[in-house]
Amino acid sequence: MTTAAKSRVRIVLVDDSEVVRLGLRALLGAEPALHLVGETGTVAGAVETCTRLKPDVVLLDLRLPDGSGFDACRQILHRLPDTRVLVLTSVVDEALVDEAIRAGVHGYLLKEIDRRGLLQAIFDVAAGKSILDPAVTARVIQLVRDRSSPAQETLALLSPQERRVLALIAEGRTNKEVGNELGLAEKTVKNYLSSVFEKLQVSRRAQAAALFARESRSGPARP
């Protein structure tokens, strides 16, 4: 295998619509840095295909004939924890966003996204970033608002360094990028994040980022 082939992002496409798969196949095939290695339209097919092909990114719809995309996501990540899951769906509400975060997805996009935005999202997710459609971000913020204490009081629990780490995570930075920015080892960044999650009583980067975004809109926390 050539170096160029090794560096391509390997993708498995999961969508029950043949028409949608045909369109995405053409779109992905036109991008030299992406390689569509497999596709399927069911939960069972997604788990089997991903286990066999070990893709970098799974492009996943939520509505499948034998279950939900969340079922597929959980099973795939259980078998392949390094694989990244990017939801591409036509539906979004608080319940779906909540379940997506709990299932461990790394990105959530609506099918209204344009070609350029989708391709960039795939590259970003493959690089370790978390991607949320703006409409989804609003719902995550609402979920956090409904379930947590006021953001300013919550974020006041963080140390200055933890806040700096969280601010960069909220920008979509990977742990490695945060470490480079702050002069920290990647393992140290992970330790800071673990502390942030514990203090904020969240378990996902998207939830912590939403808290930070909410505070940014309402003003700085008390020192």
N, C-alpha and C. Protein backbone atom coordinates (compact mmCIF):
# COMPACT_ATOMS: atom_id res chain seq x y z
N MET A 1 0.84 -1.20 0.00
CA MET A 1 0.00 0.00 0.00
C MET A 1 0.88 1.25 0.00
N THR A 2 0.54 2.22 -0.82
CA THR A 2 1.33 3.43 -0.91
C THR A 2 1.08 4.32 0.29
N THR A 3 2.01 5.27 0.49
CA THR A 3 1.86 6.21 1.60
C THR A 3 0.59 7.03 1.45
N ALA A 4 0.28 7.43 0.20
CA ALA A 4 -0.93 8.21 -0.05
C ALA A 4 -2.17 7.42 0.31
N ALA A 5 -2.18 6.13 -0.03
CA ALA A 5 -3.34 5.30 0.28
C ALA A 5 -3.50 5.15 1.78
N LYS A 6 -2.40 5.00 2.51
CA LYS A 6 -2.46 4.85 3.96
C LYS A 6 -3.03 6.09 4.62
N SER A 7 -2.78 7.28 4.04
CA SER A 7 -3.19 8.53 4.66
C SER A 7 -4.64 8.89 4.35
N ARG A 8 -5.29 8.18 3.44
CA ARG A 8 -6.68 8.47 3.11
C ARG A 8 -7.59 8.07 4.27
N VAL A 9 -8.63 8.84 4.46
CA VAL A 9 -9.61 8.55 5.51
C VAL A 9 -10.54 7.45 4.99
N ARG A 10 -10.57 6.33 5.71
CA ARG A 10 -11.38 5.18 5.30
C ARG A 10 -12.76 5.30 5.94
N ILE A 11 -13.79 5.20 5.10
CA ILE A 11 -15.16 5.48 5.54
C ILE A 11 -16.07 4.29 5.26
N VAL A 12 -16.96 4.02 6.22
CA VAL A 12 -18.08 3.11 5.99
C VAL A 12 -19.35 3.95 6.06
N LEU A 13 -20.22 3.80 5.08
CA LEU A 13 -21.46 4.56 4.97
C LEU A 13 -22.63 3.67 5.39
N VAL A 14 -23.44 4.18 6.32
CA VAL A 14 -24.60 3.42 6.81
C VAL A 14 -25.85 4.27 6.64
N ASP A 15 -26.69 3.88 5.68
CA ASP A 15 -27.95 4.60 5.43
C ASP A 15 -28.90 3.63 4.73
N ASP A 16 -30.16 3.60 5.15
CA ASP A 16 -31.08 2.63 4.55
C ASP A 16 -31.62 3.07 3.20
N SER A 17 -31.35 4.31 2.79
CA SER A 17 -31.81 4.80 1.50
C SER A 17 -30.76 4.57 0.42
N GLU A 18 -31.12 3.79 -0.58
CA GLU A 18 -30.18 3.53 -1.68
C GLU A 18 -29.86 4.81 -2.43
N VAL A 19 -30.86 5.68 -2.56
CA VAL A 19 -30.65 6.95 -3.27
C VAL A 19 -29.64 7.82 -2.52
N VAL A 20 -29.78 7.89 -1.20
CA VAL A 20 -28.84 8.67 -0.40
C VAL A 20 -27.44 8.09 -0.50
N ARG A 21 -27.33 6.77 -0.41
CA ARG A 21 -26.02 6.13 -0.50
C ARG A 21 -25.38 6.40 -1.86
N LEU A 22 -26.19 6.38 -2.91
CA LEU A 22 -25.66 6.65 -4.25
C LEU A 22 -25.09 8.06 -4.34
N GLY A 23 -25.82 9.03 -3.78
CA GLY A 23 -25.34 10.41 -3.82
C GLY A 23 -24.08 10.61 -3.00
N LEU A 24 -24.06 10.03 -1.81
CA LEU A 24 -22.88 10.16 -0.96
C LEU A 24 -21.69 9.41 -1.54
N ARG A 25 -21.95 8.28 -2.17
CA ARG A 25 -20.87 7.53 -2.81
C ARG A 25 -20.19 8.38 -3.88
N ALA A 26 -20.99 9.10 -4.67
CA ALA A 26 -20.43 9.97 -5.71
C ALA A 26 -19.67 11.13 -5.10
N LEU A 27 -20.23 11.72 -4.03
CA LEU A 27 -19.58 12.85 -3.38
C LEU A 27 -18.25 12.44 -2.76
N LEU A 28 -18.25 11.34 -2.03
CA LEU A 28 -17.02 10.90 -1.37
C LEU A 28 -15.99 10.42 -2.38
N GLY A 29 -16.46 9.79 -3.45
CA GLY A 29 -15.55 9.28 -4.46
C GLY A 29 -14.81 10.36 -5.22
N ALA A 30 -15.37 11.57 -5.20
CA ALA A 30 -14.73 12.68 -5.91
C ALA A 30 -13.64 13.35 -5.09
N GLU A 31 -13.48 12.93 -3.83
CA GLU A 31 -12.47 13.52 -2.95
C GLU A 31 -11.31 12.53 -2.79
N PRO A 32 -10.13 12.84 -3.36
CA PRO A 32 -9.01 11.89 -3.34
C PRO A 32 -8.54 11.48 -1.94
N ALA A 33 -8.76 12.34 -0.95
CA ALA A 33 -8.26 12.03 0.40
C ALA A 33 -9.22 11.13 1.18
N LEU A 34 -10.36 10.77 0.58
CA LEU A 34 -11.32 9.90 1.23
C LEU A 34 -11.44 8.59 0.47
N HIS A 35 -11.71 7.51 1.20
CA HIS A 35 -11.85 6.19 0.58
C HIS A 35 -13.06 5.50 1.18
N LEU A 36 -14.13 5.39 0.40
CA LEU A 36 -15.32 4.68 0.86
C LEU A 36 -15.06 3.18 0.74
N VAL A 37 -14.85 2.53 1.87
CA VAL A 37 -14.46 1.12 1.85
C VAL A 37 -15.65 0.18 1.97
N GLY A 38 -16.82 0.68 2.40
CA GLY A 38 -17.97 -0.18 2.52
C GLY A 38 -19.23 0.61 2.79
N GLU A 39 -20.37 -0.01 2.53
CA GLU A 39 -21.65 0.64 2.81
C GLU A 39 -22.70 -0.41 3.12
N THR A 40 -23.71 -0.01 3.87
CA THR A 40 -24.77 -0.92 4.27
C THR A 40 -25.98 -0.10 4.69
N GLY A 41 -27.12 -0.78 4.90
CA GLY A 41 -28.33 -0.06 5.26
C GLY A 41 -29.00 -0.57 6.51
N THR A 42 -28.31 -1.36 7.32
CA THR A 42 -28.90 -1.92 8.53
C THR A 42 -27.93 -1.85 9.70
N VAL A 43 -28.48 -2.01 10.91
CA VAL A 43 -27.64 -2.05 12.10
C VAL A 43 -26.72 -3.26 12.05
N ALA A 44 -27.29 -4.43 11.74
CA ALA A 44 -26.48 -5.65 11.68
C ALA A 44 -25.38 -5.53 10.64
N GLY A 45 -25.73 -4.96 9.49
CA GLY A 45 -24.74 -4.78 8.44
C GLY A 45 -23.65 -3.80 8.84
N ALA A 46 -24.04 -2.76 9.58
CA ALA A 46 -23.07 -1.76 10.02
C ALA A 46 -22.05 -2.38 10.96
N VAL A 47 -22.54 -3.15 11.92
CA VAL A 47 -21.63 -3.77 12.90
C VAL A 47 -20.70 -4.76 12.20
N GLU A 48 -21.26 -5.59 11.32
CA GLU A 48 -20.44 -6.58 10.63
C GLU A 48 -19.42 -5.92 9.71
N THR A 49 -19.87 -4.94 8.93
CA THR A 49 -18.98 -4.28 7.97
C THR A 49 -17.86 -3.53 8.67
N CYS A 50 -18.20 -2.81 9.73
CA CYS A 50 -17.17 -2.04 10.45
C CYS A 50 -16.19 -2.97 11.17
N THR A 51 -16.69 -4.03 11.77
CA THR A 51 -15.81 -4.97 12.45
C THR A 51 -14.83 -5.58 11.46
N ARG A 52 -15.30 -5.84 10.26
CA ARG A 52 -14.45 -6.47 9.24
C ARG A 52 -13.48 -5.48 8.61
N LEU A 53 -13.92 -4.25 8.34
CA LEU A 53 -13.11 -3.31 7.57
C LEU A 53 -12.36 -2.29 8.43
N LYS A 54 -12.79 -2.12 9.67
CA LYS A 54 -12.12 -1.20 10.61
C LYS A 54 -11.90 0.19 10.00
N PRO A 55 -12.98 0.91 9.70
CA PRO A 55 -12.85 2.24 9.09
C PRO A 55 -12.36 3.28 10.08
N ASP A 56 -11.91 4.40 9.56
CA ASP A 56 -11.56 5.54 10.41
C ASP A 56 -12.82 6.27 10.87
N VAL A 57 -13.78 6.40 9.94
CA VAL A 57 -15.01 7.15 10.21
C VAL A 57 -16.21 6.35 9.70
N VAL A 58 -17.26 6.33 10.52
CA VAL A 58 -18.54 5.76 10.09
C VAL A 58 -19.52 6.92 9.89
N LEU A 59 -20.05 7.03 8.68
CA LEU A 59 -21.06 8.04 8.36
C LEU A 59 -22.41 7.37 8.55
N LEU A 60 -23.15 7.76 9.58
CA LEU A 60 -24.25 6.95 10.10
C LEU A 60 -25.58 7.70 10.14
N ASP A 61 -26.60 7.09 9.52
CA ASP A 61 -27.96 7.61 9.67
C ASP A 61 -28.56 7.02 10.94
N LEU A 62 -29.60 7.66 11.48
CA LEU A 62 -30.18 7.20 12.73
C LEU A 62 -31.35 6.25 12.52
N ARG A 63 -32.04 6.36 11.40
CA ARG A 63 -33.23 5.54 11.16
C ARG A 63 -32.86 4.37 10.26
N LEU A 64 -32.82 3.19 10.86
CA LEU A 64 -32.45 1.98 10.13
C LEU A 64 -33.55 0.94 10.36
N PRO A 65 -33.76 0.03 9.41
CA PRO A 65 -34.91 -0.87 9.49
C PRO A 65 -34.88 -1.86 10.64
N ASP A 66 -33.71 -2.21 11.14
CA ASP A 66 -33.61 -3.21 12.21
C ASP A 66 -33.16 -2.62 13.54
N GLY A 67 -33.32 -1.33 13.70
CA GLY A 67 -32.91 -0.69 14.94
C GLY A 67 -32.54 0.76 14.67
N SER A 68 -31.91 1.41 15.64
CA SER A 68 -31.52 2.81 15.46
C SER A 68 -30.02 2.91 15.22
N GLY A 69 -29.61 4.05 14.69
CA GLY A 69 -28.19 4.28 14.51
C GLY A 69 -27.44 4.28 15.83
N PHE A 70 -28.15 4.60 16.92
CA PHE A 70 -27.51 4.57 18.23
C PHE A 70 -27.12 3.15 18.62
N ASP A 71 -27.98 2.19 18.28
CA ASP A 71 -27.64 0.78 18.53
C ASP A 71 -26.36 0.43 17.80
N ALA A 72 -26.30 0.83 16.53
CA ALA A 72 -25.11 0.54 15.73
C ALA A 72 -23.88 1.22 16.31
N CYS A 73 -24.03 2.49 16.71
CA CYS A 73 -22.91 3.25 17.26
C CYS A 73 -22.33 2.57 18.49
N ARG A 74 -23.18 2.18 19.42
CA ARG A 74 -22.70 1.56 20.65
C ARG A 74 -21.94 0.26 20.36
N GLN A 75 -22.51 -0.55 19.48
CA GLN A 75 -21.86 -1.83 19.17
C GLN A 75 -20.55 -1.63 18.43
N ILE A 76 -20.51 -0.67 17.51
CA ILE A 76 -19.29 -0.40 16.75
C ILE A 76 -18.19 0.10 17.68
N LEU A 77 -18.52 1.06 18.54
CA LEU A 77 -17.51 1.63 19.42
C LEU A 77 -17.05 0.64 20.48
N HIS A 78 -17.93 -0.29 20.85
CA HIS A 78 -17.52 -1.34 21.79
C HIS A 78 -16.44 -2.22 21.16
N ARG A 79 -16.59 -2.51 19.86
CA ARG A 79 -15.63 -3.36 19.16
C ARG A 79 -14.43 -2.58 18.64
N LEU A 80 -14.68 -1.32 18.26
CA LEU A 80 -13.64 -0.50 17.63
C LEU A 80 -13.59 0.87 18.30
N PRO A 81 -13.00 0.96 19.48
CA PRO A 81 -13.02 2.24 20.22
C PRO A 81 -12.29 3.39 19.52
N ASP A 82 -11.40 3.08 18.58
CA ASP A 82 -10.67 4.14 17.88
C ASP A 82 -11.41 4.65 16.65
N THR A 83 -12.47 3.97 16.25
CA THR A 83 -13.26 4.42 15.10
C THR A 83 -14.10 5.63 15.51
N ARG A 84 -14.27 6.56 14.59
CA ARG A 84 -15.04 7.77 14.86
C ARG A 84 -16.41 7.66 14.17
N VAL A 85 -17.45 8.10 14.85
CA VAL A 85 -18.81 7.99 14.33
C VAL A 85 -19.38 9.39 14.09
N LEU A 86 -19.78 9.63 12.86
CA LEU A 86 -20.36 10.92 12.47
C LEU A 86 -21.79 10.67 12.00
N VAL A 87 -22.75 11.16 12.77
CA VAL A 87 -24.16 11.01 12.42
C VAL A 87 -24.51 12.00 11.31
N LEU A 88 -25.22 11.51 10.29
CA LEU A 88 -25.73 12.36 9.22
C LEU A 88 -27.21 12.01 9.07
N THR A 89 -28.08 12.89 9.51
CA THR A 89 -29.49 12.57 9.59
C THR A 89 -30.34 13.75 9.18
N SER A 90 -31.62 13.50 8.97
CA SER A 90 -32.54 14.57 8.59
C SER A 90 -33.37 15.03 9.78
N VAL A 91 -33.19 14.40 10.93
CA VAL A 91 -34.02 14.73 12.10
C VAL A 91 -33.16 15.13 13.28
N VAL A 92 -33.70 16.03 14.09
CA VAL A 92 -32.99 16.44 15.30
C VAL A 92 -34.01 16.95 16.32
N ASP A 93 -33.90 16.49 17.54
CA ASP A 93 -34.64 17.05 18.66
C ASP A 93 -33.85 16.75 19.93
N GLU A 94 -34.32 17.28 21.05
CA GLU A 94 -33.55 17.13 22.28
C GLU A 94 -33.30 15.67 22.64
N ALA A 95 -34.32 14.82 22.45
CA ALA A 95 -34.18 13.41 22.82
C ALA A 95 -33.11 12.73 21.97
N LEU A 96 -33.10 13.03 20.67
CA LEU A 96 -32.11 12.42 19.78
C LEU A 96 -30.70 12.91 20.11
N VAL A 97 -30.57 14.21 20.35
CA VAL A 97 -29.25 14.76 20.69
C VAL A 97 -28.75 14.15 21.99
N ASP A 98 -29.65 14.03 22.96
CA ASP A 98 -29.28 13.44 24.25
C ASP A 98 -28.79 12.01 24.06
N GLU A 99 -29.54 11.22 23.29
CA GLU A 99 -29.14 9.82 23.09
C GLU A 99 -27.84 9.73 22.28
N ALA A 100 -27.67 10.65 21.33
CA ALA A 100 -26.44 10.65 20.53
C ALA A 100 -25.22 10.86 21.42
N ILE A 101 -25.31 11.81 22.32
CA ILE A 101 -24.20 12.08 23.23
C ILE A 101 -23.93 10.87 24.11
N ARG A 102 -25.00 10.26 24.62
CA ARG A 102 -24.84 9.09 25.47
C ARG A 102 -24.26 7.89 24.71
N ALA A 103 -24.60 7.80 23.42
CA ALA A 103 -24.10 6.68 22.61
C ALA A 103 -22.63 6.85 22.25
N GLY A 104 -22.11 8.09 22.37
CA GLY A 104 -20.70 8.31 22.11
C GLY A 104 -20.35 8.82 20.74
N VAL A 105 -21.33 9.36 19.99
CA VAL A 105 -21.02 9.86 18.65
C VAL A 105 -20.02 11.01 18.72
N HIS A 106 -19.25 11.16 17.67
CA HIS A 106 -18.22 12.21 17.62
C HIS A 106 -18.65 13.41 16.79
N GLY A 107 -19.78 13.29 16.12
CA GLY A 107 -20.29 14.40 15.34
C GLY A 107 -21.75 14.15 15.00
N TYR A 108 -22.52 15.24 14.80
CA TYR A 108 -23.94 15.13 14.51
C TYR A 108 -24.26 16.22 13.50
N LEU A 109 -24.57 15.82 12.28
CA LEU A 109 -24.86 16.77 11.21
C LEU A 109 -26.24 16.49 10.62
N LEU A 110 -26.86 17.54 10.11
CA LEU A 110 -28.12 17.39 9.38
C LEU A 110 -27.83 17.26 7.89
N LYS A 111 -28.70 16.53 7.19
CA LYS A 111 -28.47 16.27 5.77
C LYS A 111 -28.60 17.51 4.90
N GLU A 112 -29.05 18.61 5.50
CA GLU A 112 -29.10 19.87 4.75
C GLU A 112 -27.71 20.47 4.53
N ILE A 113 -26.69 19.91 5.17
CA ILE A 113 -25.34 20.46 5.06
C ILE A 113 -24.86 20.41 3.62
N ASP A 114 -24.02 21.38 3.22
CA ASP A 114 -23.53 21.37 1.85
C ASP A 114 -22.30 20.46 1.72
N ARG A 115 -21.88 20.25 0.48
CA ARG A 115 -20.78 19.32 0.19
C ARG A 115 -19.52 19.72 0.93
N ARG A 116 -19.17 20.98 0.87
CA ARG A 116 -17.93 21.44 1.50
C ARG A 116 -17.97 21.24 3.00
N GLY A 117 -19.12 21.54 3.61
CA GLY A 117 -19.24 21.39 5.05
C GLY A 117 -19.15 19.94 5.49
N LEU A 118 -19.74 19.05 4.69
CA LEU A 118 -19.69 17.63 5.04
C LEU A 118 -18.27 17.09 4.94
N LEU A 119 -17.59 17.42 3.86
CA LEU A 119 -16.22 16.93 3.70
C LEU A 119 -15.31 17.44 4.82
N GLN A 120 -15.46 18.71 5.18
CA GLN A 120 -14.63 19.27 6.25
C GLN A 120 -14.95 18.59 7.57
N ALA A 121 -16.23 18.29 7.80
CA ALA A 121 -16.62 17.62 9.04
C ALA A 121 -16.01 16.22 9.12
N ILE A 122 -15.97 15.51 8.01
CA ILE A 122 -15.38 14.18 7.99
C ILE A 122 -13.90 14.26 8.35
N PHE A 123 -13.19 15.20 7.73
CA PHE A 123 -11.77 15.36 8.03
C PHE A 123 -11.55 15.76 9.49
N ASP A 124 -12.40 16.65 10.01
CA ASP A 124 -12.25 17.11 11.39
C ASP A 124 -12.50 15.97 12.37
N VAL A 125 -13.55 15.20 12.15
CA VAL A 125 -13.86 14.07 13.03
C VAL A 125 -12.75 13.04 12.97
N ALA A 126 -12.25 12.76 11.77
CA ALA A 126 -11.15 11.80 11.62
C ALA A 126 -9.91 12.27 12.37
N ALA A 127 -9.73 13.59 12.49
CA ALA A 127 -8.56 14.16 13.16
C ALA A 127 -8.74 14.23 14.68
N GLY A 128 -9.91 13.82 15.17
CA GLY A 128 -10.11 13.79 16.61
C GLY A 128 -11.01 14.88 17.16
N LYS A 129 -11.56 15.70 16.29
CA LYS A 129 -12.43 16.78 16.76
C LYS A 129 -13.86 16.29 16.90
N SER A 130 -14.65 17.03 17.67
CA SER A 130 -16.08 16.77 17.80
C SER A 130 -16.83 17.84 17.01
N ILE A 131 -17.79 17.41 16.20
CA ILE A 131 -18.50 18.32 15.30
C ILE A 131 -19.99 18.27 15.58
N LEU A 132 -20.59 19.45 15.76
CA LEU A 132 -22.04 19.54 15.93
C LEU A 132 -22.60 20.56 14.95
N ASP A 133 -23.68 20.20 14.29
CA ASP A 133 -24.41 21.15 13.47
C ASP A 133 -24.89 22.29 14.37
N PRO A 134 -24.92 23.53 13.88
CA PRO A 134 -25.37 24.64 14.72
C PRO A 134 -26.73 24.40 15.36
N ALA A 135 -27.65 23.78 14.62
CA ALA A 135 -28.97 23.49 15.18
C ALA A 135 -28.87 22.50 16.33
N VAL A 136 -27.91 21.58 16.22
CA VAL A 136 -27.70 20.59 17.27
C VAL A 136 -27.07 21.24 18.50
N THR A 137 -26.13 22.14 18.26
CA THR A 137 -25.48 22.84 19.38
C THR A 137 -26.50 23.55 20.24
N ALA A 138 -27.48 24.19 19.61
CA ALA A 138 -28.52 24.88 20.37
C ALA A 138 -29.28 23.92 21.26
N ARG A 139 -29.52 22.72 20.78
CA ARG A 139 -30.26 21.74 21.56
C ARG A 139 -29.40 21.18 22.70
N VAL A 140 -28.10 21.03 22.46
CA VAL A 140 -27.21 20.58 23.52
C VAL A 140 -27.19 21.61 24.65
N ILE A 141 -27.12 22.86 24.28
CA ILE A 141 -27.13 23.93 25.29
C ILE A 141 -28.43 23.88 26.09
N GLN A 142 -29.55 23.62 25.40
CA GLN A 142 -30.83 23.52 26.09
C GLN A 142 -30.84 22.34 27.06
N LEU A 143 -30.28 21.22 26.64
CA LEU A 143 -30.20 20.05 27.51
C LEU A 143 -29.40 20.36 28.77
N VAL A 144 -28.27 21.03 28.57
CA VAL A 144 -27.43 21.38 29.72
C VAL A 144 -28.17 22.34 30.63
N ARG A 145 -28.91 23.28 30.04
CA ARG A 145 -29.66 24.26 30.83
C ARG A 145 -30.72 23.55 31.67
N ASP A 146 -31.36 22.55 31.09
CA ASP A 146 -32.42 21.85 31.79
C ASP A 146 -31.90 20.98 32.93
N ARG A 147 -30.65 20.50 32.82
CA ARG A 147 -30.17 19.49 33.75
C ARG A 147 -29.12 19.96 34.73
N SER A 148 -28.60 21.16 34.54
CA SER A 148 -27.48 21.56 35.38
C SER A 148 -27.78 22.83 36.16
N SER A 149 -26.89 23.13 37.08
CA SER A 149 -26.98 24.39 37.79
C SER A 149 -26.56 25.50 36.86
N PRO A 150 -26.79 26.78 37.23
CA PRO A 150 -26.40 27.88 36.36
C PRO A 150 -24.94 27.77 35.94
N ALA A 151 -24.67 28.07 34.67
CA ALA A 151 -23.34 27.83 34.12
C ALA A 151 -22.25 28.59 34.86
N GLN A 152 -22.54 29.84 35.22
CA GLN A 152 -21.50 30.63 35.88
C GLN A 152 -21.09 29.99 37.19
N GLU A 153 -22.07 29.48 37.95
CA GLU A 153 -21.74 28.84 39.21
C GLU A 153 -20.98 27.54 38.98
N THR A 154 -21.39 26.78 37.94
CA THR A 154 -20.75 25.50 37.65
C THR A 154 -19.31 25.68 37.21
N LEU A 155 -19.08 26.60 36.28
CA LEU A 155 -17.74 26.79 35.75
C LEU A 155 -16.81 27.46 36.75
N ALA A 156 -17.38 28.09 37.76
CA ALA A 156 -16.54 28.69 38.80
C ALA A 156 -15.78 27.64 39.59
N LEU A 157 -16.21 26.37 39.46
CA LEU A 157 -15.51 25.29 40.15
C LEU A 157 -14.17 24.96 39.51
N LEU A 158 -13.98 25.39 38.26
CA LEU A 158 -12.77 25.03 37.52
C LEU A 158 -11.60 25.92 37.87
N SER A 159 -10.41 25.34 37.83
CA SER A 159 -9.18 26.13 38.00
C SER A 159 -8.93 26.93 36.72
N PRO A 160 -8.08 27.97 36.78
CA PRO A 160 -7.78 28.74 35.58
C PRO A 160 -7.26 27.88 34.43
N GLN A 161 -6.41 26.90 34.75
CA GLN A 161 -5.87 26.04 33.69
C GLN A 161 -6.96 25.14 33.11
N GLU A 162 -7.84 24.64 33.96
CA GLU A 162 -8.95 23.82 33.47
C GLU A 162 -9.86 24.63 32.56
N ARG A 163 -10.08 25.89 32.90
CA ARG A 163 -10.90 26.75 32.04
C ARG A 163 -10.22 26.99 30.70
N ARG A 164 -8.90 27.15 30.71
CA ARG A 164 -8.18 27.35 29.45
C ARG A 164 -8.31 26.11 28.57
N VAL A 165 -8.17 24.94 29.19
CA VAL A 165 -8.31 23.69 28.44
C VAL A 165 -9.72 23.59 27.86
N LEU A 166 -10.73 23.86 28.67
CA LEU A 166 -12.12 23.77 28.22
C LEU A 166 -12.43 24.76 27.12
N ALA A 167 -11.86 25.96 27.21
CA ALA A 167 -12.10 26.96 26.17
C ALA A 167 -11.61 26.46 24.80
N LEU A 168 -10.47 25.79 24.79
CA LEU A 168 -9.93 25.28 23.53
C LEU A 168 -10.73 24.06 23.04
N ILE A 169 -11.18 23.23 23.97
CA ILE A 169 -12.04 22.10 23.60
C ILE A 169 -13.33 22.61 22.98
N ALA A 170 -13.87 23.68 23.52
CA ALA A 170 -15.10 24.26 22.98
C ALA A 170 -14.92 24.81 21.57
N GLU A 171 -13.68 25.12 21.21
CA GLU A 171 -13.37 25.55 19.84
C GLU A 171 -13.22 24.38 18.89
N GLY A 172 -13.32 23.15 19.41
CA GLY A 172 -13.20 21.97 18.57
C GLY A 172 -11.79 21.42 18.47
N ARG A 173 -10.89 21.87 19.36
CA ARG A 173 -9.50 21.40 19.32
C ARG A 173 -9.40 19.97 19.83
N THR A 174 -8.46 19.22 19.31
CA THR A 174 -8.15 17.89 19.83
C THR A 174 -7.27 18.03 21.06
N ASN A 175 -7.12 16.93 21.82
CA ASN A 175 -6.24 16.98 23.00
C ASN A 175 -4.83 17.36 22.61
N LYS A 176 -4.36 16.84 21.50
CA LYS A 176 -3.00 17.16 21.05
C LYS A 176 -2.85 18.64 20.73
N GLU A 177 -3.86 19.20 20.06
CA GLU A 177 -3.82 20.63 19.72
C GLU A 177 -3.87 21.49 20.98
N VAL A 178 -4.67 21.08 21.94
CA VAL A 178 -4.73 21.82 23.21
C VAL A 178 -3.37 21.79 23.90
N GLY A 179 -2.75 20.61 23.89
CA GLY A 179 -1.43 20.48 24.50
C GLY A 179 -0.40 21.38 23.83
N ASN A 180 -0.43 21.42 22.51
CA ASN A 180 0.52 22.27 21.77
C ASN A 180 0.29 23.74 22.10
N GLU A 181 -0.98 24.13 22.23
CA GLU A 181 -1.31 25.53 22.50
C GLU A 181 -0.87 25.95 23.90
N LEU A 182 -1.04 25.05 24.87
CA LEU A 182 -0.77 25.40 26.27
C LEU A 182 0.56 24.88 26.78
N GLY A 183 1.32 24.19 25.93
CA GLY A 183 2.61 23.66 26.35
C GLY A 183 2.47 22.50 27.32
N LEU A 184 1.46 21.66 27.09
CA LEU A 184 1.21 20.52 27.97
C LEU A 184 1.33 19.22 27.20
N ALA A 185 1.68 18.15 27.91
CA ALA A 185 1.67 16.83 27.30
C ALA A 185 0.22 16.42 27.05
N GLU A 186 0.01 15.60 26.01
CA GLU A 186 -1.35 15.16 25.68
C GLU A 186 -1.99 14.42 26.86
N LYS A 187 -1.19 13.64 27.58
CA LYS A 187 -1.71 12.92 28.75
C LYS A 187 -2.16 13.89 29.84
N THR A 188 -1.43 14.99 29.99
CA THR A 188 -1.80 16.00 30.98
C THR A 188 -3.13 16.65 30.61
N VAL A 189 -3.32 16.90 29.32
CA VAL A 189 -4.60 17.46 28.86
C VAL A 189 -5.74 16.50 29.19
N LYS A 190 -5.52 15.21 28.98
CA LYS A 190 -6.55 14.22 29.31
C LYS A 190 -6.88 14.23 30.79
N ASN A 191 -5.86 14.41 31.61
CA ASN A 191 -6.09 14.47 33.05
C ASN A 191 -6.91 15.71 33.43
N TYR A 192 -6.58 16.84 32.80
CA TYR A 192 -7.36 18.05 33.05
C TYR A 192 -8.81 17.85 32.63
N LEU A 193 -9.02 17.22 31.49
CA LEU A 193 -10.37 16.99 31.00
C LEU A 193 -11.15 16.09 31.94
N SER A 194 -10.50 15.07 32.46
CA SER A 194 -11.17 14.18 33.41
C SER A 194 -11.64 14.95 34.63
N SER A 195 -10.79 15.87 35.09
CA SER A 195 -11.15 16.70 36.23
C SER A 195 -12.31 17.63 35.89
N VAL A 196 -12.27 18.21 34.68
CA VAL A 196 -13.34 19.09 34.23
C VAL A 196 -14.67 18.34 34.19
N PHE A 197 -14.65 17.13 33.59
CA PHE A 197 -15.87 16.34 33.49
C PHE A 197 -16.44 16.03 34.88
N GLU A 198 -15.55 15.70 35.80
CA GLU A 198 -16.01 15.36 37.15
C GLU A 198 -16.63 16.56 37.84
N LYS A 199 -15.99 17.72 37.70
CA LYS A 199 -16.50 18.92 38.37
C LYS A 199 -17.82 19.39 37.75
N LEU A 200 -17.94 19.25 36.42
CA LEU A 200 -19.14 19.71 35.75
C LEU A 200 -20.24 18.65 35.74
N GLN A 201 -19.89 17.43 36.19
CA GLN A 201 -20.83 16.32 36.22
C GLN A 201 -21.37 16.00 34.83
N VAL A 202 -20.43 15.93 33.88
CA VAL A 202 -20.75 15.54 32.51
C VAL A 202 -19.82 14.39 32.12
N SER A 203 -20.12 13.75 31.00
CA SER A 203 -19.29 12.63 30.56
C SER A 203 -18.79 12.78 29.14
N ARG A 204 -19.21 13.84 28.43
CA ARG A 204 -18.84 14.01 27.03
C ARG A 204 -18.27 15.41 26.79
N ARG A 205 -17.40 15.49 25.79
CA ARG A 205 -16.81 16.77 25.42
C ARG A 205 -17.89 17.76 24.99
N ALA A 206 -18.88 17.26 24.24
CA ALA A 206 -19.93 18.15 23.73
C ALA A 206 -20.71 18.79 24.87
N GLN A 207 -20.96 18.03 25.93
CA GLN A 207 -21.68 18.58 27.07
C GLN A 207 -20.86 19.67 27.76
N ALA A 208 -19.59 19.41 27.97
CA ALA A 208 -18.72 20.40 28.61
C ALA A 208 -18.59 21.65 27.74
N ALA A 209 -18.46 21.45 26.42
CA ALA A 209 -18.35 22.58 25.51
C ALA A 209 -19.63 23.41 25.51
N ALA A 210 -20.77 22.75 25.63
CA ALA A 210 -22.04 23.47 25.66
C ALA A 210 -22.15 24.34 26.91
N LEU A 211 -21.69 23.82 28.04
CA LEU A 211 -21.68 24.62 29.26
C LEU A 211 -20.82 25.87 29.09
N PHE A 212 -19.66 25.68 28.48
CA PHE A 212 -18.76 26.82 28.28
C PHE A 212 -19.39 27.83 27.32
N ALA A 213 -20.04 27.33 26.25
CA ALA A 213 -20.69 28.23 25.29
C ALA A 213 -21.81 29.02 25.95
N ARG A 214 -22.54 28.37 26.83
CA ARG A 214 -23.62 29.05 27.53
C ARG A 214 -23.08 30.16 28.43
N GLU A 215 -21.97 29.88 29.13
CA GLU A 215 -21.37 30.89 29.99
C GLU A 215 -20.88 32.07 29.16
N SER A 216 -20.31 31.77 27.98
CA SER A 216 -19.78 32.84 27.14
C SER A 216 -20.87 33.80 26.70
N ARG A 217 -22.08 33.24 26.54
CA ARG A 217 -23.20 34.11 26.13
C ARG A 217 -23.71 34.96 27.28
N SER A 218 -23.55 34.48 28.51
CA SER A 218 -24.14 35.17 29.66
C SER A 218 -23.14 36.01 30.45
N GLY A 219 -21.85 35.94 30.02
CA GLY A 219 -20.87 36.75 30.71
C GLY A 219 -19.90 35.89 31.50
N PRO A 220 -18.78 36.45 31.94
CA PRO A 220 -17.75 35.68 32.64
C PRO A 220 -18.21 35.21 34.00
N ALA A 221 -17.68 34.06 34.39
CA ALA A 221 -17.99 33.53 35.72
C ALA A 221 -17.33 34.37 36.80
N ARG A 222 -17.85 34.23 38.01
CA ARG A 222 -17.24 34.95 39.13
C ARG A 222 -15.86 34.41 39.40
N PRO A 223 -14.88 35.23 39.75
CA PRO A 223 -13.53 34.75 40.03
C PRO A 223 -13.52 33.88 41.28
